[in-house]
C-alpha atoms as a PDB file:
ATOM      1  CA  MET A   1     -20.005  13.363  -2.618  1.00  0.00           C
ATOM      2  CA  LYS A   2     -20.842  10.299  -0.338  1.00  0.00           C
ATOM      3  CA  TYR A   3     -17.982   8.263  -1.806  1.00  0.00           C
ATOM      4  CA  LEU A   4     -15.644  11.145  -1.229  1.00  0.00           C
ATOM      5  CA  LEU A   5     -16.907  11.550   2.388  1.00  0.00           C
ATOM      6  CA  HIS A   6     -17.001   7.669   3.113  1.00  0.00           C
ATOM      7  CA  VAL A   7     -14.017   6.508   1.203  1.00  0.00           C
ATOM      8  CA  GLY A   8     -11.636   9.275   0.106  1.00  0.00           C
ATOM      9  CA  LEU A   9     -11.558  11.350   3.258  1.00  0.00           C
ATOM     10  CA  PRO A  10     -10.565   8.130   5.519  1.00  0.00           C
ATOM     11  CA  ALA A  11      -8.091   6.968   3.009  1.00  0.00           C
ATOM     12  CA  VAL A  12      -6.604  10.453   2.902  1.00  0.00           C
ATOM     13  CA  LEU A  13      -6.400  10.795   6.939  1.00  0.00           C
ATOM     14  CA  GLN A  14      -5.047   7.294   7.069  1.00  0.00           C
ATOM     15  CA  VAL A  15      -2.188   7.958   4.708  1.00  0.00           C
ATOM     16  CA  ALA A  16      -1.262  11.304   6.401  1.00  0.00           C
ATOM     17  CA  LEU A  17      -1.097   9.374   9.808  1.00  0.00           C
ATOM     18  CA  THR A  18       0.791   6.536   8.256  1.00  0.00           C
ATOM     19  CA  LEU A  19       3.602   9.123   6.667  1.00  0.00           C
ATOM     20  CA  PHE A  20       3.550  10.939   9.930  1.00  0.00           C
ATOM     21  CA  VAL A  21       4.581   7.936  12.002  1.00  0.00           C
ATOM     22  CA  MET A  22       7.111   6.912   9.315  1.00  0.00           C
ATOM     23  CA  PHE A  23       8.803  10.507   9.295  1.00  0.00           C
ATOM     24  CA  ALA A  24       8.702  10.840  12.998  1.00  0.00           C
ATOM     25  CA  THR A  25      10.434   7.306  13.610  1.00  0.00           C
ATOM     26  CA  ARG A  26      12.996   7.903  10.874  1.00  0.00           C
ATOM     27  CA  GLY A  27      16.766   7.385  11.721  1.00  0.00           C
ATOM     28  CA  ASN A  28      16.582   6.153  15.394  1.00  0.00           C
ATOM     29  CA  GLY A  29      17.382   2.519  14.386  1.00  0.00           C
ATOM     30  CA  SER A  30      13.567   1.269  15.110  1.00  0.00           C
ATOM     31  CA  PHE A  31      11.318  -0.945  12.721  1.00  0.00           C
ATOM     32  CA  VAL A  32       8.171   1.252  14.076  1.00  0.00           C
ATOM     33  CA  GLY A  33       8.407   3.293  10.661  1.00  0.00           C
ATOM     34  CA  LEU A  34       8.585  -0.248   8.705  1.00  0.00           C
ATOM     35  CA  ALA A  35       6.039  -1.392  10.463  1.00  0.00           C
ATOM     36  CA  ALA A  36       3.934   1.702   9.947  1.00  0.00           C
ATOM     37  CA  MET A  37       4.591   1.391   6.207  1.00  0.00           C
ATOM     38  CA  LEU A  38       3.680  -2.323   5.992  1.00  0.00           C
ATOM     39  CA  LEU A  39       0.413  -1.612   7.887  1.00  0.00           C
ATOM     40  CA  GLY A  40      -0.628   1.123   5.890  1.00  0.00           C
ATOM     41  CA  VAL A  41       0.035  -0.870   2.531  1.00  0.00           C
ATOM     42  CA  TRP A  42      -2.225  -3.664   3.220  1.00  0.00           C
ATOM     43  CA  ALA A  43      -4.890  -1.722   5.906  1.00  0.00           C
ATOM     44  CA  ILE A  44      -5.676   1.291   3.770  1.00  0.00           C
ATOM     45  CA  PRO A  45      -6.740  -0.231   0.550  1.00  0.00           C
ATOM     46  CA  VAL A  46      -8.971  -2.943   2.621  1.00  0.00           C
ATOM     47  CA  THR A  47     -10.429  -0.218   4.763  1.00  0.00           C
ATOM     48  CA  ALA A  48     -11.280   1.588   1.404  1.00  0.00           C
ATOM     49  CA  ILE A  49     -12.592  -1.274  -0.351  1.00  0.00           C
ATOM     50  CA  VAL A  50     -14.798  -2.197   3.011  1.00  0.00           C
ATOM     51  CA  ASN A  51     -16.066   1.663   3.227  1.00  0.00           C
ATOM     52  CA  PHE A  52     -16.947   1.582  -0.537  1.00  0.00           C
ATOM     53  CA  ALA A  53     -18.978  -1.264  -0.206  1.00  0.00           C
ATOM     54  CA  ARG A  54     -20.663   0.057   3.129  1.00  0.00           C
ATOM     55  CA  ALA A  55     -21.201   3.581   1.204  1.00  0.00           C
ATOM     56  CA  ARG A  56     -22.958   1.657  -1.790  1.00  0.00           C
ATOM     57  CA  ALA A  57     -25.253  -0.437   0.622  1.00  0.00           C
ATOM     58  CA  THR A  58     -26.153   1.975   3.694  1.00  0.00           C
ATOM     59  CA  PRO A  59     -23.943   5.050   3.881  1.00  0.00           C
ATOM     60  CA  ARG A  60     -23.728   5.949   7.659  1.00  0.00           C
ATOM     61  CA  ALA A  61     -21.094   7.856   9.134  1.00  0.00           C
ATOM     62  CA  SER A  62     -20.875   5.826  11.977  1.00  0.00           C
ATOM     63  CA  ALA A  63     -20.141   2.948  10.398  1.00  0.00           C
ATOM     64  CA  THR A  64     -17.317   4.486   8.259  1.00  0.00           C
ATOM     65  CA  PHE A  65     -15.770   6.196  11.397  1.00  0.00           C
ATOM     66  CA  TRP A  66     -15.768   2.338  13.284  1.00  0.00           C
ATOM     67  CA  ILE A  67     -14.350   0.624   9.967  1.00  0.00           C
ATOM     68  CA  SER A  68     -11.541   3.325   9.802  1.00  0.00           C
ATOM     69  CA  LEU A  69     -10.695   3.569  13.493  1.00  0.00           C
ATOM     70  CA  PRO A  70      -8.218   0.436  13.876  1.00  0.00           C
ATOM     71  CA  VAL A  71      -5.604   1.375  11.652  1.00  0.00           C
ATOM     72  CA  PRO A  72      -4.758   5.088  13.067  1.00  0.00           C
ATOM     73  CA  LEU A  73      -5.391   3.323  16.618  1.00  0.00           C
ATOM     74  CA  LEU A  74      -2.470   0.773  15.881  1.00  0.00           C
ATOM     75  CA  LEU A  75      -0.270   3.559  14.295  1.00  0.00           C
ATOM     76  CA  MET A  76      -0.544   5.745  17.246  1.00  0.00           C
ATOM     77  CA  LEU A  77      -0.056   2.807  19.705  1.00  0.00           C
ATOM     78  CA  MET A  78       3.072   2.003  17.778  1.00  0.00           C
ATOM     79  CA  LEU A  79       4.349   5.466  17.949  1.00  0.00           C
ATOM     80  CA  LEU A  80       3.619   5.614  21.657  1.00  0.00           C
ATOM     81  CA  ALA A  81       5.507   2.452  22.261  1.00  0.00           C
ATOM     82  CA  SER A  82       8.577   3.671  19.915  1.00  0.00           C
ATOM     83  CA  VAL A  83       8.513   6.898  22.017  1.00  0.00           C
ATOM     84  CA  SER A  84       7.890   5.790  25.571  1.00  0.00           C
ATOM     85  CA  LEU A  85       9.802   2.355  25.282  1.00  0.00           C
ATOM     86  CA  ARG A  86      12.515   3.864  23.330  1.00  0.00           C
ATOM     87  CA  LEU A  87      12.479   1.330  20.632  1.00  0.00           C
END
């Protein structure tokens, strides 16, 4: 159960947010969707591996939260920049 909570849930949420950003910026000539896809391809597996290692050593929810936070934060900043600056 700890692996589902510490590895599976953050990975699923990151994939969902990545797909949301990719589909939200589709068709407007922006490279934000491509950047979101490339960020997701590399960052989501790395985050899952780090969370798996942390869950085996010391399963703490706060550590999982802080490790998983940069990817969604970057995705939301890219989406915000795309909408506000009309990239």
